Amino acid sequence: MSSYVSCITGKPSQLSIEALTDCQLLVFTYETLQSLYRQSQHWERFGRLLAEYLSIGLEERMVGLLMLSPEERYHQLLESNKQKILERIPQHYIANYLGITPVSLSRIRNRIHKK
């Protein structure tokens, strides 16, 4: 995992990334990735697709935070393909991801369960 902007600019990341569960990673430097891009059109295509995927994710996240209410963001998260993740991580991390407090998330969850 890495900050994509940090890789491209060579500047330190403003974010930290922490694994919340055990995982396995394939690790290589950004220079190695750049070398692969130069060697093969397949790797270059991989890089373009990765950049597109990241761009879509960022725009969806921004739109959600700007245009949706916290309850709508929570509903959207529940309807996404992230169900297994939601089952494994503490609620305060989910609240943080939604841009709300854990107390607000608890209230939203209670309203949804009462319906």
PDB file of N, CA and C in Angstrom:
ATOM      1  N   MET A   1       0.849  -1.163   0.000  1.00  0.00           N
ATOM      2  CA  MET A   1       0.000   0.000   0.000  1.00  0.00           C
ATOM      3  C   MET A   1       0.889   1.217   0.000  1.00  0.00           C
ATOM      4  N   SER A   2       0.428   2.203  -0.689  1.00  0.00           N
ATOM      5  CA  SER A   2       1.227   3.412  -0.769  1.00  0.00           C
ATOM      6  C   SER A   2       0.346   4.582  -1.137  1.00  0.00           C
ATOM      7  N   SER A   3       0.818   5.751  -0.829  1.00  0.00           N
ATOM      8  CA  SER A   3       0.186   6.956  -1.319  1.00  0.00           C
ATOM      9  C   SER A   3       0.618   7.132  -2.779  1.00  0.00           C
ATOM     10  N   TYR A   4      -0.358   7.081  -3.672  1.00  0.00           N
ATOM     11  CA  TYR A   4      -0.055   7.198  -5.095  1.00  0.00           C
ATOM     12  C   TYR A   4       0.593   8.545  -5.410  1.00  0.00           C
ATOM     13  N   VAL A   5       0.082   9.590  -4.799  1.00  0.00           N
ATOM     14  CA  VAL A   5       0.642  10.929  -5.029  1.00  0.00           C
ATOM     15  C   VAL A   5       2.085  10.992  -4.545  1.00  0.00           C
ATOM     16  N   SER A   6       2.360  10.383  -3.409  1.00  0.00           N
ATOM     17  CA  SER A   6       3.722  10.361  -2.882  1.00  0.00           C
ATOM     18  C   SER A   6       4.671   9.636  -3.842  1.00  0.00           C
ATOM     19  N   CYS A   7       4.209   8.517  -4.417  1.00  0.00           N
ATOM     20  CA  CYS A   7       5.036   7.784  -5.376  1.00  0.00           C
ATOM     21  C   CYS A   7       5.363   8.637  -6.586  1.00  0.00           C
ATOM     22  N   ILE A   8       4.361   9.313  -7.116  1.00  0.00           N
ATOM     23  CA  ILE A   8       4.549  10.095  -8.334  1.00  0.00           C
ATOM     24  C   ILE A   8       5.430  11.321  -8.088  1.00  0.00           C
ATOM     25  N   THR A   9       5.181  12.017  -6.964  1.00  0.00           N
ATOM     26  CA  THR A   9       5.897  13.266  -6.705  1.00  0.00           C
ATOM     27  C   THR A   9       7.232  13.061  -6.006  1.00  0.00           C
ATOM     28  N   GLY A  10       7.395  11.913  -5.342  1.00  0.00           N
ATOM     29  CA  GLY A  10       8.614  11.680  -4.570  1.00  0.00           C
ATOM     30  C   GLY A  10       8.613  12.408  -3.240  1.00  0.00           C
ATOM     31  N   LYS A  11       7.495  13.042  -2.882  1.00  0.00           N
ATOM     32  CA  LYS A  11       7.389  13.758  -1.612  1.00  0.00           C
ATOM     33  C   LYS A  11       6.827  12.818  -0.547  1.00  0.00           C
ATOM     34  N   PRO A  12       7.141  13.073   0.708  1.00  0.00           N
ATOM     35  CA  PRO A  12       6.571  12.239   1.776  1.00  0.00           C
ATOM     36  C   PRO A  12       5.046  12.297   1.754  1.00  0.00           C
ATOM     37  N   SER A  13       4.434  11.186   2.084  1.00  0.00           N
ATOM     38  CA  SER A  13       2.982  11.121   2.107  1.00  0.00           C
ATOM     39  C   SER A  13       2.431  11.912   3.281  1.00  0.00           C
ATOM     40  N   GLN A  14       1.274  12.515   3.080  1.00  0.00           N
ATOM     41  CA  GLN A  14       0.589  13.203   4.169  1.00  0.00           C
ATOM     42  C   GLN A  14      -0.323  12.231   4.930  1.00  0.00           C
ATOM     43  N   LEU A  15      -0.406  11.007   4.448  1.00  0.00           N
ATOM     44  CA  LEU A  15      -1.272   9.991   5.037  1.00  0.00           C
ATOM     45  C   LEU A  15      -0.451   8.811   5.506  1.00  0.00           C
ATOM     46  N   SER A  16      -0.978   8.101   6.480  1.00  0.00           N
ATOM     47  CA  SER A  16      -0.374   6.824   6.849  1.00  0.00           C
ATOM     48  C   SER A  16      -1.403   5.739   6.571  1.00  0.00           C
ATOM     49  N   ILE A  17      -0.921   4.583   6.227  1.00  0.00           N
ATOM     50  CA  ILE A  17      -1.786   3.460   5.893  1.00  0.00           C
ATOM     51  C   ILE A  17      -1.449   2.332   6.858  1.00  0.00           C
ATOM     52  N   GLU A  18      -2.472   1.800   7.514  1.00  0.00           N
ATOM     53  CA  GLU A  18      -2.270   0.756   8.500  1.00  0.00           C
ATOM     54  C   GLU A  18      -3.190  -0.412   8.192  1.00  0.00           C
ATOM     55  N   ALA A  19      -2.643  -1.612   8.173  1.00  0.00           N
ATOM     56  CA  ALA A  19      -3.460  -2.809   7.972  1.00  0.00           C
ATOM     57  C   ALA A  19      -4.216  -3.103   9.262  1.00  0.00           C
ATOM     58  N   LEU A  20      -5.506  -3.333   9.139  1.00  0.00           N
ATOM     59  CA  LEU A  20      -6.327  -3.636  10.307  1.00  0.00           C
ATOM     60  C   LEU A  20      -6.456  -5.138  10.546  1.00  0.00           C
ATOM     61  N   THR A  21      -6.037  -5.921   9.568  1.00  0.00           N
ATOM     62  CA  THR A  21      -6.041  -7.382   9.697  1.00  0.00           C
ATOM     63  C   THR A  21      -4.742  -7.906   9.106  1.00  0.00           C
ATOM     64  N   ASP A  22      -4.458  -9.165   9.351  1.00  0.00           N
ATOM     65  CA  ASP A  22      -3.280  -9.781   8.743  1.00  0.00           C
ATOM     66  C   ASP A  22      -3.433  -9.766   7.229  1.00  0.00           C
ATOM     67  N   CYS A  23      -2.329  -9.581   6.537  1.00  0.00           N
ATOM     68  CA  CYS A  23      -2.379  -9.560   5.076  1.00  0.00           C
ATOM     69  C   CYS A  23      -1.017  -9.960   4.518  1.00  0.00           C
ATOM     70  N   GLN A  24      -1.009 -10.238   3.234  1.00  0.00           N
ATOM     71  CA  GLN A  24       0.232 -10.516   2.525  1.00  0.00           C
ATOM     72  C   GLN A  24       0.375  -9.466   1.435  1.00  0.00           C
ATOM     73  N   LEU A  25       1.573  -8.941   1.299  1.00  0.00           N
ATOM     74  CA  LEU A  25       1.837  -7.900   0.313  1.00  0.00           C
ATOM     75  C   LEU A  25       2.981  -8.310  -0.599  1.00  0.00           C
ATOM     76  N   LEU A  26       2.876  -7.928  -1.839  1.00  0.00           N
ATOM     77  CA  LEU A  26       3.983  -8.017  -2.775  1.00  0.00           C
ATOM     78  C   LEU A  26       4.611  -6.629  -2.787  1.00  0.00           C
ATOM     79  N   VAL A  27       5.868  -6.537  -2.449  1.00  0.00           N
ATOM     80  CA  VAL A  27       6.507  -5.243  -2.269  1.00  0.00           C
ATOM     81  C   VAL A  27       7.571  -5.018  -3.336  1.00  0.00           C
ATOM     82  N   PHE A  28       7.516  -3.839  -3.961  1.00  0.00           N
ATOM     83  CA  PHE A  28       8.576  -3.409  -4.861  1.00  0.00           C
ATOM     84  C   PHE A  28       8.566  -1.895  -4.906  1.00  0.00           C
ATOM     85  N   THR A  29       9.686  -1.338  -5.312  1.00  0.00           N
ATOM     86  CA  THR A  29       9.827   0.109  -5.315  1.00  0.00           C
ATOM     87  C   THR A  29       9.100   0.728  -6.510  1.00  0.00           C
ATOM     88  N   TYR A  30       8.857   2.020  -6.411  1.00  0.00           N
ATOM     89  CA  TYR A  30       8.241   2.740  -7.520  1.00  0.00           C
ATOM     90  C   TYR A  30       9.169   2.727  -8.732  1.00  0.00           C
ATOM     91  N   GLU A  31      10.471   2.754  -8.490  1.00  0.00           N
ATOM     92  CA  GLU A  31      11.443   2.681  -9.587  1.00  0.00           C
ATOM     93  C   GLU A  31      11.307   1.352 -10.334  1.00  0.00           C
ATOM     94  N   THR A  32      11.069   0.278  -9.607  1.00  0.00           N
ATOM     95  CA  THR A  32      10.857  -1.025 -10.239  1.00  0.00           C
ATOM     96  C   THR A  32       9.605  -0.995 -11.103  1.00  0.00           C
ATOM     97  N   LEU A  33       8.555  -0.394 -10.606  1.00  0.00           N
ATOM     98  CA  LEU A  33       7.317  -0.274 -11.379  1.00  0.00           C
ATOM     99  C   LEU A  33       7.565   0.549 -12.643  1.00  0.00           C
ATOM    100  N   GLN A  34       8.281   1.633 -12.519  1.00  0.00           N
ATOM    101  CA  GLN A  34       8.602   2.455 -13.696  1.00  0.00           C
ATOM    102  C   GLN A  34       9.397   1.656 -14.723  1.00  0.00           C
ATOM    103  N   SER A  35      10.310   0.832 -14.245  1.00  0.00           N
ATOM    104  CA  SER A  35      11.095  -0.019 -15.142  1.00  0.00           C
ATOM    105  C   SER A  35      10.197  -1.010 -15.876  1.00  0.00           C
ATOM    106  N   LEU A  36       9.237  -1.589 -15.167  1.00  0.00           N
ATOM    107  CA  LEU A  36       8.289  -2.513 -15.798  1.00  0.00           C
ATOM    108  C   LEU A  36       7.451  -1.804 -16.858  1.00  0.00           C
ATOM    109  N   TYR A  37       7.050  -0.578 -16.571  1.00  0.00           N
ATOM    110  CA  TYR A  37       6.284   0.204 -17.557  1.00  0.00           C
ATOM    111  C   TYR A  37       7.080   0.364 -18.853  1.00  0.00           C
ATOM    112  N   ARG A  38       8.377   0.642 -18.716  1.00  0.00           N
ATOM    113  CA  ARG A  38       9.217   0.844 -19.901  1.00  0.00           C
ATOM    114  C   ARG A  38       9.444  -0.449 -20.672  1.00  0.00           C
ATOM    115  N   GLN A  39       9.430  -1.588 -19.972  1.00  0.00           N
ATOM    116  CA  GLN A  39       9.735  -2.865 -20.600  1.00  0.00           C
ATOM    117  C   GLN A  39       8.555  -3.494 -21.334  1.00  0.00           C
ATOM    118  N   SER A  40       7.339  -3.176 -20.913  1.00  0.00           N
ATOM    119  CA  SER A  40       6.203  -3.909 -21.453  1.00  0.00           C
ATOM    120  C   SER A  40       4.951  -3.042 -21.532  1.00  0.00           C
ATOM    121  N   GLN A  41       4.284  -3.129 -22.661  1.00  0.00           N
ATOM    122  CA  GLN A  41       3.007  -2.419 -22.806  1.00  0.00           C
ATOM    123  C   GLN A  41       1.956  -2.990 -21.864  1.00  0.00           C
ATOM    124  N   HIS A  42       2.065  -4.258 -21.507  1.00  0.00           N
ATOM    125  CA  HIS A  42       1.112  -4.858 -20.574  1.00  0.00           C
ATOM    126  C   HIS A  42       1.213  -4.200 -19.198  1.00  0.00           C
ATOM    127  N   TRP A  43       2.443  -3.976 -18.744  1.00  0.00           N
ATOM    128  CA  TRP A  43       2.621  -3.299 -17.464  1.00  0.00           C
ATOM    129  C   TRP A  43       2.188  -1.839 -17.551  1.00  0.00           C
ATOM    130  N   GLU A  44       2.464  -1.212 -18.682  1.00  0.00           N
ATOM    131  CA  GLU A  44       2.039   0.173 -18.860  1.00  0.00           C
ATOM    132  C   GLU A  44       0.511   0.268 -18.803  1.00  0.00           C
ATOM    133  N   ARG A  45      -0.165  -0.680 -19.423  1.00  0.00           N
ATOM    134  CA  ARG A  45      -1.631  -0.729 -19.380  1.00  0.00           C
ATOM    135  C   ARG A  45      -2.102  -0.967 -17.946  1.00  0.00           C
ATOM    136  N   PHE A  46      -1.422  -1.859 -17.216  1.00  0.00           N
ATOM    137  CA  PHE A  46      -1.727  -2.100 -15.811  1.00  0.00           C
ATOM    138  C   PHE A  46      -1.661  -0.783 -15.033  1.00  0.00           C
ATOM    139  N   GLY A  47      -0.625  -0.009 -15.261  1.00  0.00           N
ATOM    140  CA  GLY A  47      -0.458   1.271 -14.574  1.00  0.00           C
ATOM    141  C   GLY A  47      -1.574   2.241 -14.905  1.00  0.00           C
ATOM    142  N   ARG A  48      -1.971   2.295 -16.170  1.00  0.00           N
ATOM    143  CA  ARG A  48      -3.065   3.188 -16.570  1.00  0.00           C
ATOM    144  C   ARG A  48      -4.366   2.762 -15.907  1.00  0.00           C
ATOM    145  N   LEU A  49      -4.644   1.464 -15.912  1.00  0.00           N
ATOM    146  CA  LEU A  49      -5.869   0.968 -15.294  1.00  0.00           C
ATOM    147  C   LEU A  49      -5.870   1.228 -13.784  1.00  0.00           C
ATOM    148  N   LEU A  50      -4.718   1.072 -13.164  1.00  0.00           N
ATOM    149  CA  LEU A  50      -4.596   1.358 -11.740  1.00  0.00           C
ATOM    150  C   LEU A  50      -4.888   2.835 -11.468  1.00  0.00           C
ATOM    151  N   ALA A  51      -4.311   3.720 -12.273  1.00  0.00           N
ATOM    152  CA  ALA A  51      -4.542   5.158 -12.105  1.00  0.00           C
ATOM    153  C   ALA A  51      -6.021   5.494 -12.306  1.00  0.00           C
ATOM    154  N   GLU A  52      -6.659   4.869 -13.294  1.00  0.00           N
ATOM    155  CA  GLU A  52      -8.087   5.108 -13.531  1.00  0.00           C
ATOM    156  C   GLU A  52      -8.919   4.634 -12.343  1.00  0.00           C
ATOM    157  N   TYR A  53      -8.592   3.462 -11.820  1.00  0.00           N
ATOM    158  CA  TYR A  53      -9.303   2.908 -10.667  1.00  0.00           C
ATOM    159  C   TYR A  53      -9.188   3.848  -9.464  1.00  0.00           C
ATOM    160  N   LEU A  54      -7.981   4.337  -9.207  1.00  0.00           N
ATOM    161  CA  LEU A  54      -7.767   5.257  -8.091  1.00  0.00           C
ATOM    162  C   LEU A  54      -8.514   6.563  -8.294  1.00  0.00           C
ATOM    163  N   SER A  55      -8.519   7.064  -9.519  1.00  0.00           N
ATOM    164  CA  SER A  55      -9.217   8.313  -9.831  1.00  0.00           C
ATOM    165  C   SER A  55     -10.719   8.176  -9.610  1.00  0.00           C
ATOM    166  N   ILE A  56     -11.287   7.077 -10.051  1.00  0.00           N
ATOM    167  CA  ILE A  56     -12.718   6.832  -9.857  1.00  0.00           C
ATOM    168  C   ILE A  56     -13.035   6.773  -8.360  1.00  0.00           C
ATOM    169  N   GLY A  57     -12.221   6.052  -7.606  1.00  0.00           N
ATOM    170  CA  GLY A  57     -12.440   5.935  -6.167  1.00  0.00           C
ATOM    171  C   GLY A  57     -12.381   7.274  -5.457  1.00  0.00           C
ATOM    172  N   LEU A  58     -11.411   8.110  -5.839  1.00  0.00           N
ATOM    173  CA  LEU A  58     -11.290   9.427  -5.220  1.00  0.00           C
ATOM    174  C   LEU A  58     -12.490  10.309  -5.538  1.00  0.00           C
ATOM    175  N   GLU A  59     -12.928  10.292  -6.792  1.00  0.00           N
ATOM    176  CA  GLU A  59     -14.072  11.132  -7.156  1.00  0.00           C
ATOM    177  C   GLU A  59     -15.344  10.666  -6.450  1.00  0.00           C
ATOM    178  N   GLU A  60     -15.550   9.346  -6.396  1.00  0.00           N
ATOM    179  CA  GLU A  60     -16.730   8.829  -5.705  1.00  0.00           C
ATOM    180  C   GLU A  60     -16.704   9.207  -4.228  1.00  0.00           C
ATOM    181  N   ARG A  61     -15.540   9.141  -3.621  1.00  0.00           N
ATOM    182  CA  ARG A  61     -15.404   9.507  -2.201  1.00  0.00           C
ATOM    183  C   ARG A  61     -15.688  10.990  -2.000  1.00  0.00           C
ATOM    184  N   MET A  62     -15.144  11.845  -2.843  1.00  0.00           N
ATOM    185  CA  MET A  62     -15.382  13.289  -2.725  1.00  0.00           C
ATOM    186  C   MET A  62     -16.852  13.629  -2.918  1.00  0.00           C
ATOM    187  N   VAL A  63     -17.455  13.059  -3.945  1.00  0.00           N
ATOM    188  CA  VAL A  63     -18.870  13.320  -4.213  1.00  0.00           C
ATOM    189  C   VAL A  63     -19.715  12.875  -3.021  1.00  0.00           C
ATOM    190  N   GLY A  64     -19.416  11.701  -2.482  1.00  0.00           N
ATOM    191  CA  GLY A  64     -20.157  11.209  -1.334  1.00  0.00           C
ATOM    192  C   GLY A  64     -20.053  12.133  -0.135  1.00  0.00           C
ATOM    193  N   LEU A  65     -18.846  12.589   0.163  1.00  0.00           N
ATOM    194  CA  LEU A  65     -18.650  13.470   1.313  1.00  0.00           C
ATOM    195  C   LEU A  65     -19.292  14.840   1.108  1.00  0.00           C
ATOM    196  N   LEU A  66     -19.316  15.303  -0.129  1.00  0.00           N
ATOM    197  CA  LEU A  66     -19.872  16.632  -0.414  1.00  0.00           C
ATOM    198  C   LEU A  66     -21.377  16.633  -0.645  1.00  0.00           C
ATOM    199  N   MET A  67     -21.902  15.570  -1.224  1.00  0.00           N
ATOM    200  CA  MET A  67     -23.284  15.594  -1.684  1.00  0.00           C
ATOM    201  C   MET A  67     -24.258  14.745  -0.863  1.00  0.00           C
ATOM    202  N   LEU A  68     -23.749  13.782  -0.119  1.00  0.00           N
ATOM    203  CA  LEU A  68     -24.631  12.862   0.592  1.00  0.00           C
ATOM    204  C   LEU A  68     -24.634  13.145   2.087  1.00  0.00           C
ATOM    205  N   SER A  69     -25.756  12.853   2.712  1.00  0.00           N
ATOM    206  CA  SER A  69     -25.836  12.953   4.169  1.00  0.00           C
ATOM    207  C   SER A  69     -25.071  11.774   4.779  1.00  0.00           C
ATOM    208  N   PRO A  70     -24.724  11.867   6.051  1.00  0.00           N
ATOM    209  CA  PRO A  70     -24.053  10.732   6.687  1.00  0.00           C
ATOM    210  C   PRO A  70     -24.868   9.435   6.582  1.00  0.00           C
ATOM    211  N   GLU A  71     -26.168   9.523   6.725  1.00  0.00           N
ATOM    212  CA  GLU A  71     -26.999   8.322   6.618  1.00  0.00           C
ATOM    213  C   GLU A  71     -26.964   7.749   5.203  1.00  0.00           C
ATOM    214  N   GLU A  72     -26.988   8.633   4.208  1.00  0.00           N
ATOM    215  CA  GLU A  72     -26.896   8.170   2.820  1.00  0.00           C
ATOM    216  C   GLU A  72     -25.540   7.526   2.550  1.00  0.00           C
ATOM    217  N   ARG A  73     -24.475   8.092   3.112  1.00  0.00           N
ATOM    218  CA  ARG A  73     -23.140   7.507   2.944  1.00  0.00           C
ATOM    219  C   ARG A  73     -23.089   6.119   3.590  1.00  0.00           C
ATOM    220  N   TYR A  74     -23.718   5.975   4.747  1.00  0.00           N
ATOM    221  CA  TYR A  74     -23.742   4.678   5.420  1.00  0.00           C
ATOM    222  C   TYR A  74     -24.529   3.664   4.597  1.00  0.00           C
ATOM    223  N   HIS A  75     -25.681   4.062   4.073  1.00  0.00           N
ATOM    224  CA  HIS A  75     -26.461   3.166   3.212  1.00  0.00           C
ATOM    225  C   HIS A  75     -25.638   2.739   1.997  1.00  0.00           C
ATOM    226  N   GLN A  76     -24.961   3.701   1.394  1.00  0.00           N
ATOM    227  CA  GLN A  76     -24.127   3.401   0.224  1.00  0.00           C
ATOM    228  C   GLN A  76     -23.035   2.397   0.585  1.00  0.00           C
ATOM    229  N   LEU A  77     -22.440   2.567   1.746  1.00  0.00           N
ATOM    230  CA  LEU A  77     -21.403   1.642   2.203  1.00  0.00           C
ATOM    231  C   LEU A  77     -21.980   0.244   2.428  1.00  0.00           C
ATOM    232  N   LEU A  78     -23.165   0.181   3.015  1.00  0.00           N
ATOM    233  CA  LEU A  78     -23.803  -1.119   3.251  1.00  0.00           C
ATOM    234  C   LEU A  78     -24.134  -1.830   1.947  1.00  0.00           C
ATOM    235  N   GLU A  79     -24.468  -1.062   0.920  1.00  0.00           N
ATOM    236  CA  GLU A  79     -24.848  -1.640  -0.372  1.00  0.00           C
ATOM    237  C   GLU A  79     -23.647  -1.946  -1.257  1.00  0.00           C
ATOM    238  N   SER A  80     -22.466  -1.559  -0.829  1.00  0.00           N
ATOM    239  CA  SER A  80     -21.260  -1.777  -1.629  1.00  0.00           C
ATOM    240  C   SER A  80     -20.781  -3.216  -1.497  1.00  0.00           C
ATOM    241  N   ASN A  81     -19.669  -3.488  -2.137  1.00  0.00           N
ATOM    242  CA  ASN A  81     -19.077  -4.830  -2.072  1.00  0.00           C
ATOM    243  C   ASN A  81     -18.087  -4.951  -0.918  1.00  0.00           C
ATOM    244  N   LYS A  82     -18.260  -4.153   0.114  1.00  0.00           N
ATOM    245  CA  LYS A  82     -17.327  -4.134   1.247  1.00  0.00           C
ATOM    246  C   LYS A  82     -17.884  -4.815   2.492  1.00  0.00           C
ATOM    247  N   GLN A  83     -18.860  -5.691   2.333  1.00  0.00           N
ATOM    248  CA  GLN A  83     -19.516  -6.327   3.480  1.00  0.00           C
ATOM    249  C   GLN A  83     -18.544  -7.076   4.389  1.00  0.00           C
ATOM    250  N   LYS A  84     -17.626  -7.831   3.807  1.00  0.00           N
ATOM    251  CA  LYS A  84     -16.680  -8.594   4.635  1.00  0.00           C
ATOM    252  C   LYS A  84     -15.771  -7.666   5.424  1.00  0.00           C
ATOM    253  N   ILE A  85     -15.416  -6.542   4.825  1.00  0.00           N
ATOM    254  CA  ILE A  85     -14.591  -5.560   5.529  1.00  0.00           C
ATOM    255  C   ILE A  85     -15.368  -4.983   6.706  1.00  0.00           C
ATOM    256  N   LEU A  86     -16.629  -4.633   6.472  1.00  0.00           N
ATOM    257  CA  LEU A  86     -17.455  -4.036   7.521  1.00  0.00           C
ATOM    258  C   LEU A  86     -17.622  -4.968   8.717  1.00  0.00           C
ATOM    259  N   GLU A  87     -17.622  -6.250   8.458  1.00  0.00           N
ATOM    260  CA  GLU A  87     -17.782  -7.230   9.544  1.00  0.00           C
ATOM    261  C   GLU A  87     -16.522  -7.372  10.383  1.00  0.00           C
ATOM    262  N   ARG A  88     -15.378  -6.988   9.851  1.00  0.00           N
ATOM    263  CA  ARG A  88     -14.102  -7.271  10.519  1.00  0.00           C
ATOM    264  C   ARG A  88     -13.453  -6.068  11.184  1.00  0.00           C
ATOM    265  N   ILE A  89     -13.940  -4.869  10.930  1.00  0.00           N
ATOM    266  CA  ILE A  89     -13.259  -3.706  11.501  1.00  0.00           C
ATOM    267  C   ILE A  89     -14.123  -3.005  12.545  1.00  0.00           C
ATOM    268  N   PRO A  90     -13.488  -2.378  13.527  1.00  0.00           N
ATOM    269  CA  PRO A  90     -14.233  -1.701  14.584  1.00  0.00           C
ATOM    270  C   PRO A  90     -15.092  -0.546  14.042  1.00  0.00           C
ATOM    271  N   GLN A  91     -16.193  -0.307  14.724  1.00  0.00           N
ATOM    272  CA  GLN A  91     -17.151   0.716  14.294  1.00  0.00           C
ATOM    273  C   GLN A  91     -16.542   2.117  14.236  1.00  0.00           C
ATOM    274  N   HIS A  92     -15.589   2.421  15.113  1.00  0.00           N
ATOM    275  CA  HIS A  92     -15.031   3.774  15.088  1.00  0.00           C
ATOM    276  C   HIS A  92     -14.240   4.038  13.801  1.00  0.00           C
ATOM    277  N   TYR A  93     -13.695   2.987  13.185  1.00  0.00           N
ATOM    278  CA  TYR A  93     -13.027   3.172  11.898  1.00  0.00           C
ATOM    279  C   TYR A  93     -14.057   3.411  10.788  1.00  0.00           C
ATOM    280  N   ILE A  94     -15.177   2.734  10.871  1.00  0.00           N
ATOM    281  CA  ILE A  94     -16.246   2.947   9.891  1.00  0.00           C
ATOM    282  C   ILE A  94     -16.766   4.377  10.017  1.00  0.00           C
ATOM    283  N   ALA A  95     -16.970   4.832  11.242  1.00  0.00           N
ATOM    284  CA  ALA A  95     -17.433   6.201  11.471  1.00  0.00           C
ATOM    285  C   ALA A  95     -16.440   7.201  10.895  1.00  0.00           C
ATOM    286  N   ASN A  96     -15.170   6.968  11.143  1.00  0.00           N
ATOM    287  CA  ASN A  96     -14.137   7.864  10.610  1.00  0.00           C
ATOM    288  C   ASN A  96     -14.167   7.900   9.092  1.00  0.00           C
ATOM    289  N   TYR A  97     -14.310   6.742   8.463  1.00  0.00           N
ATOM    290  CA  TYR A  97     -14.386   6.661   7.005  1.00  0.00           C
ATOM    291  C   TYR A  97     -15.581   7.458   6.476  1.00  0.00           C
ATOM    292  N   LEU A  98     -16.690   7.418   7.204  1.00  0.00           N
ATOM    293  CA  LEU A  98     -17.894   8.141   6.785  1.00  0.00           C
ATOM    294  C   LEU A  98     -17.838   9.628   7.113  1.00  0.00           C
ATOM    295  N   GLY A  99     -16.826  10.031   7.888  1.00  0.00           N
ATOM    296  CA  GLY A  99     -16.697  11.442   8.254  1.00  0.00           C
ATOM    297  C   GLY A  99     -17.630  11.849   9.381  1.00  0.00           C
ATOM    298  N   ILE A 100     -17.948  10.897  10.262  1.00  0.00           N
ATOM    299  CA  ILE A 100     -18.853  11.170  11.379  1.00  0.00           C
ATOM    300  C   ILE A 100     -18.264  10.604  12.659  1.00  0.00           C
ATOM    301  N   THR A 101     -18.883  10.933  13.777  1.00  0.00           N
ATOM    302  CA  THR A 101     -18.424  10.402  15.056  1.00  0.00           C
ATOM    303  C   THR A 101     -19.009   9.009  15.277  1.00  0.00           C
ATOM    304  N   PRO A 102     -18.380   8.221  16.140  1.00  0.00           N
ATOM    305  CA  PRO A 102     -18.950   6.905  16.464  1.00  0.00           C
ATOM    306  C   PRO A 102     -20.367   7.004  17.049  1.00  0.00           C
ATOM    307  N   VAL A 103     -20.635   8.062  17.811  1.00  0.00           N
ATOM    308  CA  VAL A 103     -21.979   8.257  18.374  1.00  0.00           C
ATOM    309  C   VAL A 103     -22.988   8.487  17.251  1.00  0.00           C
ATOM    310  N   SER A 104     -22.626   9.298  16.267  1.00  0.00           N
ATOM    311  CA  SER A 104     -23.525   9.542  15.125  1.00  0.00           C
ATOM    312  C   SER A 104     -23.778   8.250  14.359  1.00  0.00           C
ATOM    313  N   LEU A 105     -22.744   7.439  14.166  1.00  0.00           N
ATOM    314  CA  LEU A 105     -22.919   6.164  13.473  1.00  0.00           C
ATOM    315  C   LEU A 105     -23.867   5.262  14.256  1.00  0.00           C
ATOM    316  N   SER A 106     -23.713   5.236  15.558  1.00  0.00           N
ATOM    317  CA  SER A 106     -24.589   4.418  16.391  1.00  0.00           C
ATOM    318  C   SER A 106     -26.047   4.859  16.238  1.00  0.00           C
ATOM    319  N   ARG A 107     -26.281   6.150  16.197  1.00  0.00           N
ATOM    320  CA  ARG A 107     -27.652   6.672  16.018  1.00  0.00           C
ATOM    321  C   ARG A 107     -28.208   6.288  14.643  1.00  0.00           C
ATOM    322  N   ILE A 108     -27.387   6.411  13.629  1.00  0.00           N
ATOM    323  CA  ILE A 108     -27.819   6.045  12.273  1.00  0.00           C
ATOM    324  C   ILE A 108     -28.156   4.556  12.223  1.00  0.00           C
ATOM    325  N   ARG A 109     -27.312   3.739  12.799  1.00  0.00           N
ATOM    326  CA  ARG A 109     -27.553   2.294  12.800  1.00  0.00           C
ATOM    327  C   ARG A 109     -28.845   1.957  13.547  1.00  0.00           C
ATOM    328  N   ASN A 110     -29.093   2.635  14.660  1.00  0.00           N
ATOM    329  CA  ASN A 110     -30.322   2.400  15.418  1.00  0.00           C
ATOM    330  C   ASN A 110     -31.559   2.788  14.607  1.00  0.00           C
ATOM    331  N   ARG A 111     -31.495   3.922  13.913  1.00  0.00           N
ATOM    332  CA  ARG A 111     -32.628   4.346  13.071  1.00  0.00           C
ATOM    333  C   ARG A 111     -32.897   3.325  11.963  1.00  0.00           C
ATOM    334  N   ILE A 112     -31.844   2.814  11.367  1.00  0.00           N
ATOM    335  CA  ILE A 112     -31.994   1.845  10.275  1.00  0.00           C
ATOM    336  C   ILE A 112     -32.595   0.544  10.813  1.00  0.00           C
ATOM    337  N   HIS A 113     -32.136   0.106  11.968  1.00  0.00           N
ATOM    338  CA  HIS A 113     -32.634  -1.168  12.522  1.00  0.00           C
ATOM    339  C   HIS A 113     -34.087  -1.056  12.969  1.00  0.00           C
ATOM    340  N   LYS A 114     -34.531   0.152  13.340  1.00  0.00           N
ATOM    341  CA  LYS A 114     -35.926   0.334  13.754  1.00  0.00           C
ATOM    342  C   LYS A 114     -36.889   0.331  12.577  1.00  0.00           C
ATOM    343  N   LYS A 115     -36.372   0.631  11.379  1.00  0.00           N
ATOM    344  CA  LYS A 115     -37.243   0.680  10.190  1.00  0.00           C
ATOM    345  C   LYS A 115     -37.640  -0.665   9.708  1.00  0.00           C
TER     346      LYS A 115
END
